[in-house]
Amino acid sequence: MATCEVCGNEYLRAFEVHMAGRVHTFDSFECAIQKLAPTCGNCGCRVIGHGIEAGMDVFCCAHCAGVAGHADARDHLTV
């Protein structure tokens, strides 16, 4: 069994995530998201999708990027 680095739970089905040269061990996707997902530069929510990068920040949507001063940011548009 392995121990989750976020909650400390020892779990038979723990998994590893290899990211930026480091190995992380988690017992759930929830813990992995809390540890590894970036937070929106405006509202602070965890960005678990593609998000929007503007300047040096990550945002959950174009609205949040716009509030932070990136007026040209756009969400993905379909044709």
Protein backbone atom coordinates (compact mmCIF):
# COMPACT_ATOMS: atom_id res chain seq x y z
CA MET A 1 0.00 0.00 0.00
CA ALA A 2 1.02 3.57 -0.60
CA THR A 3 0.28 6.75 1.31
CA CYS A 4 -1.44 9.75 -0.29
CA GLU A 5 0.76 12.83 0.03
CA VAL A 6 -2.28 15.11 0.47
CA CYS A 7 -4.55 13.35 2.98
CA GLY A 8 -2.22 10.70 4.39
CA ASN A 9 -4.59 7.84 3.60
CA GLU A 10 -2.93 4.48 3.05
CA TYR A 11 -4.67 2.94 0.06
CA LEU A 12 -4.24 -0.27 -1.90
CA ARG A 13 -5.15 1.42 -5.19
CA ALA A 14 -3.02 4.55 -4.81
CA PHE A 15 -1.49 5.86 -8.02
CA GLU A 16 1.51 7.92 -9.05
CA VAL A 17 1.64 11.06 -11.16
CA HIS A 18 4.96 11.96 -12.76
CA MET A 19 5.14 15.74 -13.28
CA ALA A 20 8.05 18.10 -13.83
CA GLY A 21 10.60 15.48 -12.82
CA ARG A 22 8.86 14.59 -9.54
CA VAL A 23 6.73 11.61 -8.56
CA HIS A 24 3.55 12.24 -6.55
CA THR A 25 1.40 9.58 -4.86
CA PHE A 26 -2.35 10.01 -4.40
CA ASP A 27 -5.33 7.95 -3.31
CA SER A 28 -7.86 9.88 -5.42
CA PHE A 29 -8.14 12.31 -8.30
CA GLU A 30 -9.54 14.83 -5.81
CA CYS A 31 -6.25 14.84 -3.88
CA ALA A 32 -4.23 15.00 -7.11
CA ILE A 33 -6.23 18.03 -8.26
CA GLN A 34 -5.78 19.79 -4.92
CA LYS A 35 -2.02 19.31 -5.10
CA LEU A 36 -1.26 19.75 -8.80
CA ALA A 37 -3.96 21.77 -10.59
CA PRO A 38 -3.25 25.48 -10.96
CA THR A 39 -5.62 28.01 -9.44
CA CYS A 40 -7.39 30.72 -11.45
CA GLY A 41 -5.53 34.02 -11.21
CA ASN A 42 -8.82 35.81 -10.57
CA CYS A 43 -11.36 33.68 -8.68
CA GLY A 44 -9.01 31.09 -7.19
CA CYS A 45 -10.88 27.97 -8.34
CA ARG A 46 -8.85 24.95 -9.45
CA VAL A 47 -8.38 24.82 -13.22
CA ILE A 48 -8.90 21.17 -14.15
CA GLY A 49 -9.57 21.73 -17.85
CA HIS A 50 -7.54 23.59 -20.42
CA GLY A 51 -8.17 27.00 -18.89
CA ILE A 52 -6.75 30.14 -20.45
CA GLU A 53 -3.18 31.33 -20.20
CA ALA A 54 -2.71 35.08 -20.36
CA GLY A 55 0.57 36.73 -19.52
CA MET A 56 2.17 34.56 -16.84
CA ASP A 57 -1.17 33.53 -15.27
CA VAL A 58 -3.73 30.77 -15.74
CA PHE A 59 -7.45 31.50 -15.62
CA CYS A 60 -10.50 29.25 -15.58
CA CYS A 61 -12.29 31.29 -18.29
CA ALA A 62 -12.09 34.39 -20.48
CA HIS A 63 -14.28 36.34 -18.04
CA CYS A 64 -11.75 35.88 -15.22
CA ALA A 65 -8.86 36.72 -17.53
CA GLY A 66 -10.71 39.89 -18.58
CA VAL A 67 -11.33 40.93 -14.97
CA ALA A 68 -7.60 40.55 -14.39
CA GLY A 69 -6.83 42.92 -17.27
CA HIS A 70 -6.54 40.58 -20.26
CA ALA A 71 -9.41 42.01 -22.32
CA ASP A 72 -8.37 40.13 -25.47
CA ALA A 73 -8.74 36.68 -23.84
CA ARG A 74 -11.39 34.49 -25.46
CA ASP A 75 -12.93 31.15 -24.56
CA HIS A 76 -12.82 28.41 -27.19
CA LEU A 77 -15.37 29.16 -29.88
CA THR A 78 -16.99 26.58 -32.12
CA VAL A 79 -17.98 27.32 -35.69
